[in-house]
Amino acid sequence: MAKKVKAIVKLHIQAGKANPAPPVGPALASQGVNIAEFCQKFNEATREKGNFKIPIDITVFEDRTYTYILHEPPASQLIKAAIGLEKGSGEANKKKVGKITRAQLEEVAKRKMSDLNTRDMGQAMRTMEGTAKSLGVEVID
């Protein structure tokens, strides 16, 4: 018989650096989750993911057990990391802050594919192009 879900908690946590401080502690303590155990498991699972904030969905059950799903970092972070950009443009349509090649964009799309709502690489590339454009990054061939 399936366990009854008590809550679904969605967080963005720095890879390999989860600790009981906010936002992790208060979000999970209110659901009765063992915070130290969660932090240890999360840090083990994300240690190699670099310096990204990792989106995570934590499903907490009535008996205080939990499962979690790790997602890939946001596309904007992946694009900025691919071209070594600190932050995006404040005026994306007017002020361009960098350039990304289609090959680099394809690598980002491949990495992000599991989180997208398409399985077509062409559509994934268009999605990544839109994200790049909103950052003020120009896509070049």
N, C-alpha and C. Protein backbone atom coordinates (compact mmCIF):
# COMPACT_ATOMS: atom_id res chain seq x y z
N MET A 1 0.84 -1.18 0.00
CA MET A 1 0.00 0.00 0.00
C MET A 1 0.89 1.25 0.00
N ALA A 2 0.51 2.22 -0.76
CA ALA A 2 1.30 3.44 -0.89
C ALA A 2 1.20 4.29 0.37
N LYS A 3 2.31 4.97 0.66
CA LYS A 3 2.33 5.85 1.83
C LYS A 3 1.57 7.13 1.50
N LYS A 4 1.01 7.74 2.54
CA LYS A 4 0.27 8.97 2.35
C LYS A 4 1.23 10.16 2.39
N VAL A 5 1.14 11.01 1.38
CA VAL A 5 2.03 12.17 1.27
C VAL A 5 1.56 13.26 2.22
N LYS A 6 2.50 13.78 3.01
CA LYS A 6 2.19 14.86 3.94
C LYS A 6 2.44 16.21 3.28
N ALA A 7 3.57 16.33 2.56
CA ALA A 7 3.91 17.61 1.91
C ALA A 7 4.95 17.38 0.84
N ILE A 8 5.01 18.32 -0.10
CA ILE A 8 6.08 18.35 -1.10
C ILE A 8 6.78 19.68 -0.93
N VAL A 9 8.08 19.61 -0.62
CA VAL A 9 8.88 20.81 -0.37
C VAL A 9 9.82 20.99 -1.56
N LYS A 10 9.80 22.19 -2.14
CA LYS A 10 10.67 22.50 -3.27
C LYS A 10 11.69 23.54 -2.82
N LEU A 11 12.97 23.21 -3.00
CA LEU A 11 14.05 24.10 -2.58
C LEU A 11 15.12 24.20 -3.67
N HIS A 12 15.93 25.24 -3.58
CA HIS A 12 17.14 25.39 -4.39
C HIS A 12 18.28 25.47 -3.39
N ILE A 13 19.16 24.45 -3.41
CA ILE A 13 20.24 24.37 -2.43
C ILE A 13 21.58 24.31 -3.16
N GLN A 14 22.57 25.02 -2.63
CA GLN A 14 23.92 25.00 -3.20
C GLN A 14 24.45 23.57 -3.18
N ALA A 15 24.99 23.10 -4.30
CA ALA A 15 25.45 21.72 -4.42
C ALA A 15 26.54 21.42 -3.38
N GLY A 16 26.34 20.34 -2.64
CA GLY A 16 27.32 19.88 -1.67
C GLY A 16 27.42 20.73 -0.42
N LYS A 17 26.53 21.70 -0.24
CA LYS A 17 26.65 22.61 0.90
C LYS A 17 25.35 22.77 1.68
N ALA A 18 24.54 21.73 1.74
CA ALA A 18 23.31 21.81 2.53
C ALA A 18 23.66 21.77 4.01
N ASN A 19 23.00 22.62 4.79
CA ASN A 19 23.17 22.60 6.24
C ASN A 19 21.84 22.94 6.90
N PRO A 20 21.73 22.74 8.21
CA PRO A 20 20.45 22.95 8.89
C PRO A 20 19.98 24.40 8.97
N ALA A 21 20.79 25.34 8.52
CA ALA A 21 20.41 26.75 8.54
C ALA A 21 19.32 26.99 7.49
N PRO A 22 18.64 28.15 7.58
CA PRO A 22 17.63 28.46 6.56
C PRO A 22 18.26 28.45 5.17
N PRO A 23 17.57 28.03 4.13
CA PRO A 23 16.16 27.66 4.08
C PRO A 23 15.88 26.19 4.36
N VAL A 24 16.92 25.35 4.43
CA VAL A 24 16.71 23.91 4.56
C VAL A 24 16.09 23.54 5.90
N GLY A 25 16.68 24.00 6.98
CA GLY A 25 16.23 23.63 8.32
C GLY A 25 14.77 23.91 8.59
N PRO A 26 14.34 25.17 8.49
CA PRO A 26 12.93 25.47 8.79
C PRO A 26 11.94 24.76 7.87
N ALA A 27 12.30 24.63 6.59
CA ALA A 27 11.38 24.00 5.63
C ALA A 27 11.16 22.53 5.96
N LEU A 28 12.21 21.84 6.39
CA LEU A 28 12.09 20.41 6.67
C LEU A 28 11.70 20.11 8.11
N ALA A 29 12.13 20.95 9.04
CA ALA A 29 11.79 20.73 10.45
C ALA A 29 10.29 20.80 10.67
N SER A 30 9.63 21.70 9.97
CA SER A 30 8.18 21.82 10.13
C SER A 30 7.44 20.58 9.63
N GLN A 31 8.11 19.78 8.81
CA GLN A 31 7.50 18.54 8.31
C GLN A 31 7.96 17.31 9.10
N GLY A 32 8.86 17.50 10.06
CA GLY A 32 9.32 16.39 10.89
C GLY A 32 10.41 15.55 10.28
N VAL A 33 11.13 16.08 9.30
CA VAL A 33 12.20 15.33 8.64
C VAL A 33 13.49 15.45 9.45
N ASN A 34 14.27 14.39 9.50
CA ASN A 34 15.59 14.43 10.14
C ASN A 34 16.51 15.28 9.26
N ILE A 35 16.79 16.50 9.69
CA ILE A 35 17.51 17.46 8.86
C ILE A 35 18.96 17.05 8.65
N ALA A 36 19.62 16.57 9.69
CA ALA A 36 21.03 16.17 9.57
C ALA A 36 21.19 15.04 8.56
N GLU A 37 20.28 14.08 8.61
CA GLU A 37 20.33 12.95 7.67
C GLU A 37 20.10 13.44 6.24
N PHE A 38 19.12 14.33 6.06
CA PHE A 38 18.85 14.87 4.73
C PHE A 38 20.06 15.62 4.18
N CYS A 39 20.65 16.49 5.01
CA CYS A 39 21.80 17.27 4.56
C CYS A 39 22.95 16.37 4.14
N GLN A 40 23.19 15.31 4.89
CA GLN A 40 24.27 14.38 4.56
C GLN A 40 24.00 13.69 3.23
N LYS A 41 22.78 13.20 3.02
CA LYS A 41 22.43 12.53 1.76
C LYS A 41 22.53 13.49 0.58
N PHE A 42 22.01 14.71 0.75
CA PHE A 42 22.04 15.70 -0.34
C PHE A 42 23.48 16.05 -0.70
N ASN A 43 24.31 16.29 0.31
CA ASN A 43 25.70 16.67 0.05
C ASN A 43 26.46 15.55 -0.66
N GLU A 44 26.19 14.31 -0.28
CA GLU A 44 26.82 13.16 -0.96
C GLU A 44 26.40 13.10 -2.43
N ALA A 45 25.12 13.31 -2.68
CA ALA A 45 24.58 13.17 -4.03
C ALA A 45 25.00 14.31 -4.95
N THR A 46 25.32 15.48 -4.40
CA THR A 46 25.58 16.65 -5.25
C THR A 46 27.02 17.14 -5.18
N ARG A 47 27.88 16.42 -4.54
CA ARG A 47 29.27 16.88 -4.36
C ARG A 47 29.96 17.20 -5.69
N GLU A 48 29.70 16.44 -6.74
CA GLU A 48 30.38 16.63 -8.03
C GLU A 48 29.65 17.60 -8.96
N LYS A 49 28.58 18.21 -8.52
CA LYS A 49 27.78 19.07 -9.41
C LYS A 49 28.31 20.49 -9.52
N GLY A 50 29.46 20.77 -8.95
CA GLY A 50 30.06 22.09 -9.11
C GLY A 50 29.48 23.10 -8.15
N ASN A 51 29.52 24.35 -8.56
CA ASN A 51 29.11 25.46 -7.70
C ASN A 51 27.72 25.98 -8.09
N PHE A 52 26.80 25.07 -8.39
CA PHE A 52 25.46 25.44 -8.83
C PHE A 52 24.47 25.30 -7.69
N LYS A 53 23.36 26.03 -7.81
CA LYS A 53 22.22 25.79 -6.92
C LYS A 53 21.38 24.72 -7.58
N ILE A 54 21.11 23.66 -6.86
CA ILE A 54 20.40 22.51 -7.40
C ILE A 54 18.93 22.54 -6.95
N PRO A 55 17.99 22.55 -7.89
CA PRO A 55 16.58 22.43 -7.52
C PRO A 55 16.28 21.01 -7.03
N ILE A 56 15.52 20.90 -5.97
CA ILE A 56 15.20 19.60 -5.41
C ILE A 56 13.74 19.59 -4.97
N ASP A 57 13.06 18.49 -5.25
CA ASP A 57 11.68 18.28 -4.80
C ASP A 57 11.71 17.18 -3.74
N ILE A 58 11.31 17.51 -2.52
CA ILE A 58 11.33 16.56 -1.41
C ILE A 58 9.89 16.20 -1.09
N THR A 59 9.56 14.91 -1.20
CA THR A 59 8.23 14.41 -0.87
C THR A 59 8.29 13.83 0.53
N VAL A 60 7.56 14.44 1.46
CA VAL A 60 7.54 13.99 2.85
C VAL A 60 6.25 13.20 3.07
N PHE A 61 6.40 12.02 3.68
CA PHE A 61 5.26 11.15 3.94
C PHE A 61 4.80 11.30 5.39
N GLU A 62 3.59 10.80 5.68
CA GLU A 62 3.00 10.90 7.02
C GLU A 62 3.89 10.27 8.09
N ASP A 63 4.63 9.20 7.76
CA ASP A 63 5.48 8.54 8.76
C ASP A 63 6.86 9.19 8.88
N ARG A 64 7.00 10.41 8.35
CA ARG A 64 8.21 11.24 8.41
C ARG A 64 9.37 10.72 7.55
N THR A 65 9.11 9.76 6.71
CA THR A 65 10.13 9.36 5.74
C THR A 65 10.00 10.31 4.55
N TYR A 66 10.98 10.28 3.67
CA TYR A 66 10.95 11.18 2.53
C TYR A 66 11.70 10.58 1.35
N THR A 67 11.36 11.08 0.19
CA THR A 67 12.12 10.79 -1.03
C THR A 67 12.41 12.15 -1.67
N TYR A 68 13.42 12.17 -2.52
CA TYR A 68 13.71 13.44 -3.19
C TYR A 68 14.12 13.21 -4.63
N ILE A 69 13.89 14.24 -5.43
CA ILE A 69 14.26 14.22 -6.84
C ILE A 69 15.17 15.41 -7.08
N LEU A 70 16.37 15.13 -7.55
CA LEU A 70 17.32 16.20 -7.90
C LEU A 70 17.13 16.57 -9.36
N HIS A 71 17.14 17.86 -9.64
CA HIS A 71 17.06 18.34 -11.01
C HIS A 71 18.40 18.92 -11.42
N GLU A 72 18.54 19.20 -12.69
CA GLU A 72 19.74 19.87 -13.18
C GLU A 72 19.67 21.34 -12.78
N PRO A 73 20.80 22.02 -12.69
CA PRO A 73 20.79 23.45 -12.38
C PRO A 73 19.97 24.22 -13.41
N PRO A 74 19.48 25.41 -13.06
CA PRO A 74 18.72 26.21 -14.02
C PRO A 74 19.53 26.49 -15.29
N ALA A 75 18.83 26.57 -16.42
CA ALA A 75 19.50 26.77 -17.72
C ALA A 75 20.32 28.05 -17.71
N SER A 76 19.83 29.09 -17.06
CA SER A 76 20.57 30.35 -17.04
C SER A 76 21.92 30.18 -16.35
N GLN A 77 21.98 29.40 -15.28
CA GLN A 77 23.26 29.15 -14.61
C GLN A 77 24.20 28.35 -15.49
N LEU A 78 23.65 27.36 -16.20
CA LEU A 78 24.49 26.54 -17.09
C LEU A 78 25.06 27.38 -18.24
N ILE A 79 24.23 28.26 -18.79
CA ILE A 79 24.69 29.11 -19.89
C ILE A 79 25.77 30.07 -19.40
N LYS A 80 25.56 30.69 -18.25
CA LYS A 80 26.56 31.61 -17.71
C LYS A 80 27.87 30.88 -17.43
N ALA A 81 27.79 29.66 -16.91
CA ALA A 81 29.00 28.89 -16.63
C ALA A 81 29.72 28.49 -17.92
N ALA A 82 28.95 28.18 -18.97
CA ALA A 82 29.55 27.75 -20.24
C ALA A 82 30.40 28.84 -20.88
N ILE A 83 30.01 30.10 -20.67
CA ILE A 83 30.77 31.19 -21.31
C ILE A 83 31.52 32.04 -20.29
N GLY A 84 31.51 31.63 -19.02
CA GLY A 84 32.27 32.34 -18.00
C GLY A 84 31.70 33.71 -17.66
N LEU A 85 30.40 33.83 -17.65
CA LEU A 85 29.73 35.10 -17.40
C LEU A 85 29.33 35.18 -15.93
N GLU A 86 29.58 36.33 -15.31
CA GLU A 86 29.23 36.52 -13.91
C GLU A 86 27.73 36.68 -13.72
N LYS A 87 27.10 37.59 -14.49
CA LYS A 87 25.66 37.77 -14.42
C LYS A 87 25.14 38.26 -15.76
N GLY A 88 23.84 38.11 -15.95
CA GLY A 88 23.22 38.49 -17.21
C GLY A 88 23.04 40.00 -17.32
N SER A 89 22.52 40.42 -18.46
CA SER A 89 22.30 41.83 -18.74
C SER A 89 21.03 42.32 -18.05
N GLY A 90 21.07 43.56 -17.58
CA GLY A 90 19.87 44.17 -17.00
C GLY A 90 18.89 44.57 -18.08
N GLU A 91 19.40 44.83 -19.28
CA GLU A 91 18.58 45.22 -20.44
C GLU A 91 18.93 44.27 -21.58
N ALA A 92 18.35 43.08 -21.55
CA ALA A 92 18.73 42.02 -22.49
C ALA A 92 18.54 42.40 -23.95
N ASN A 93 17.50 43.19 -24.27
CA ASN A 93 17.25 43.55 -25.66
C ASN A 93 18.21 44.62 -26.17
N LYS A 94 18.73 45.44 -25.29
CA LYS A 94 19.57 46.56 -25.69
C LYS A 94 21.06 46.30 -25.48
N LYS A 95 21.41 45.70 -24.37
CA LYS A 95 22.81 45.55 -23.99
C LYS A 95 23.20 44.07 -23.96
N LYS A 96 24.05 43.66 -24.88
CA LYS A 96 24.52 42.26 -24.93
C LYS A 96 25.77 42.14 -24.05
N VAL A 97 25.83 41.06 -23.27
CA VAL A 97 26.95 40.89 -22.35
C VAL A 97 27.87 39.72 -22.71
N GLY A 98 27.51 38.93 -23.73
CA GLY A 98 28.35 37.80 -24.11
C GLY A 98 27.84 37.10 -25.34
N LYS A 99 28.63 36.12 -25.78
CA LYS A 99 28.26 35.30 -26.94
C LYS A 99 28.45 33.84 -26.58
N ILE A 100 27.57 33.02 -27.14
CA ILE A 100 27.66 31.57 -26.95
C ILE A 100 27.51 30.89 -28.31
N THR A 101 28.30 29.86 -28.55
CA THR A 101 28.21 29.14 -29.82
C THR A 101 27.09 28.12 -29.76
N ARG A 102 26.64 27.68 -30.92
CA ARG A 102 25.59 26.65 -30.96
C ARG A 102 26.07 25.35 -30.32
N ALA A 103 27.36 25.04 -30.47
CA ALA A 103 27.90 23.81 -29.87
C ALA A 103 27.81 23.87 -28.35
N GLN A 104 28.16 25.02 -27.77
CA GLN A 104 28.06 25.19 -26.32
C GLN A 104 26.61 25.11 -25.87
N LEU A 105 25.74 25.71 -26.65
CA LEU A 105 24.31 25.70 -26.32
C LEU A 105 23.74 24.28 -26.40
N GLU A 106 24.24 23.51 -27.35
CA GLU A 106 23.79 22.12 -27.48
C GLU A 106 24.22 21.30 -26.26
N GLU A 107 25.43 21.55 -25.74
CA GLU A 107 25.88 20.85 -24.53
C GLU A 107 24.97 21.17 -23.34
N VAL A 108 24.61 22.45 -23.21
CA VAL A 108 23.70 22.86 -22.15
C VAL A 108 22.34 22.17 -22.33
N ALA A 109 21.83 22.14 -23.56
CA ALA A 109 20.54 21.51 -23.84
C ALA A 109 20.57 20.02 -23.51
N LYS A 110 21.67 19.33 -23.84
CA LYS A 110 21.80 17.90 -23.54
C LYS A 110 21.76 17.67 -22.04
N ARG A 111 22.47 18.52 -21.30
CA ARG A 111 22.51 18.36 -19.85
C ARG A 111 21.14 18.63 -19.23
N LYS A 112 20.42 19.59 -19.76
CA LYS A 112 19.14 20.01 -19.21
C LYS A 112 17.96 19.18 -19.73
N MET A 113 18.19 18.32 -20.70
CA MET A 113 17.13 17.58 -21.39
C MET A 113 16.19 16.83 -20.43
N SER A 114 16.70 16.25 -19.37
CA SER A 114 15.85 15.47 -18.47
C SER A 114 14.80 16.33 -17.76
N ASP A 115 15.05 17.62 -17.63
CA ASP A 115 14.10 18.51 -16.95
C ASP A 115 13.14 19.22 -17.91
N LEU A 116 13.38 19.11 -19.20
CA LEU A 116 12.55 19.80 -20.18
C LEU A 116 11.31 18.97 -20.52
N ASN A 117 10.31 19.63 -21.08
CA ASN A 117 9.08 18.92 -21.45
C ASN A 117 9.09 18.51 -22.91
N THR A 118 10.27 18.27 -23.45
CA THR A 118 10.41 17.79 -24.83
C THR A 118 11.52 16.77 -24.89
N ARG A 119 11.49 15.92 -25.88
CA ARG A 119 12.56 14.96 -26.12
C ARG A 119 13.26 15.27 -27.44
N ASP A 120 12.81 16.34 -28.11
CA ASP A 120 13.36 16.75 -29.39
C ASP A 120 14.50 17.74 -29.15
N MET A 121 15.69 17.43 -29.66
CA MET A 121 16.86 18.29 -29.44
C MET A 121 16.66 19.67 -30.06
N GLY A 122 15.98 19.75 -31.20
CA GLY A 122 15.74 21.04 -31.84
C GLY A 122 14.91 21.96 -30.95
N GLN A 123 13.87 21.40 -30.34
CA GLN A 123 13.03 22.19 -29.44
C GLN A 123 13.81 22.58 -28.18
N ALA A 124 14.62 21.67 -27.68
CA ALA A 124 15.44 21.98 -26.50
C ALA A 124 16.42 23.11 -26.81
N MET A 125 16.99 23.09 -28.02
CA MET A 125 17.91 24.15 -28.43
C MET A 125 17.19 25.49 -28.49
N ARG A 126 15.96 25.50 -29.00
CA ARG A 126 15.20 26.75 -29.09
C ARG A 126 14.89 27.29 -27.69
N THR A 127 14.61 26.39 -26.77
CA THR A 127 14.36 26.81 -25.39
C THR A 127 15.62 27.44 -24.79
N MET A 128 16.77 26.81 -25.01
CA MET A 128 18.02 27.34 -24.49
C MET A 128 18.39 28.67 -25.16
N GLU A 129 18.07 28.80 -26.46
CA GLU A 129 18.31 30.08 -27.16
C GLU A 129 17.49 31.20 -26.52
N GLY A 130 16.25 30.90 -26.18
CA GLY A 130 15.40 31.89 -25.54
C GLY A 130 15.94 32.31 -24.18
N THR A 131 16.45 31.34 -23.43
CA THR A 131 17.04 31.65 -22.13
C THR A 131 18.29 32.51 -22.31
N ALA A 132 19.11 32.16 -23.30
CA ALA A 132 20.32 32.95 -23.57
C ALA A 132 19.95 34.37 -23.96
N LYS A 133 18.93 34.51 -24.79
CA LYS A 133 18.50 35.84 -25.23
C LYS A 133 18.02 36.67 -24.04
N SER A 134 17.31 36.05 -23.12
CA SER A 134 16.81 36.78 -21.95
C SER A 134 17.94 37.18 -20.99
N LEU A 135 19.09 36.51 -21.10
CA LEU A 135 20.26 36.87 -20.31
C LEU A 135 21.08 37.98 -20.97
N GLY A 136 20.78 38.27 -22.23
CA GLY A 136 21.57 39.24 -22.97
C GLY A 136 22.78 38.59 -23.62
N VAL A 137 22.68 37.30 -23.89
CA VAL A 137 23.76 36.54 -24.51
C VAL A 137 23.37 36.27 -25.97
N GLU A 138 24.25 36.60 -26.87
CA GLU A 138 24.01 36.41 -28.30
C GLU A 138 24.44 35.01 -28.74
N VAL A 139 23.58 34.33 -29.50
CA VAL A 139 23.90 32.99 -30.01
C VAL A 139 24.55 33.15 -31.39
N ILE A 140 25.76 32.59 -31.53
CA ILE A 140 26.48 32.68 -32.80
C ILE A 140 26.72 31.30 -33.37
N ASP A 141 26.97 31.22 -34.68
CA ASP A 141 27.21 29.91 -35.31
C ASP A 141 28.64 29.48 -35.28
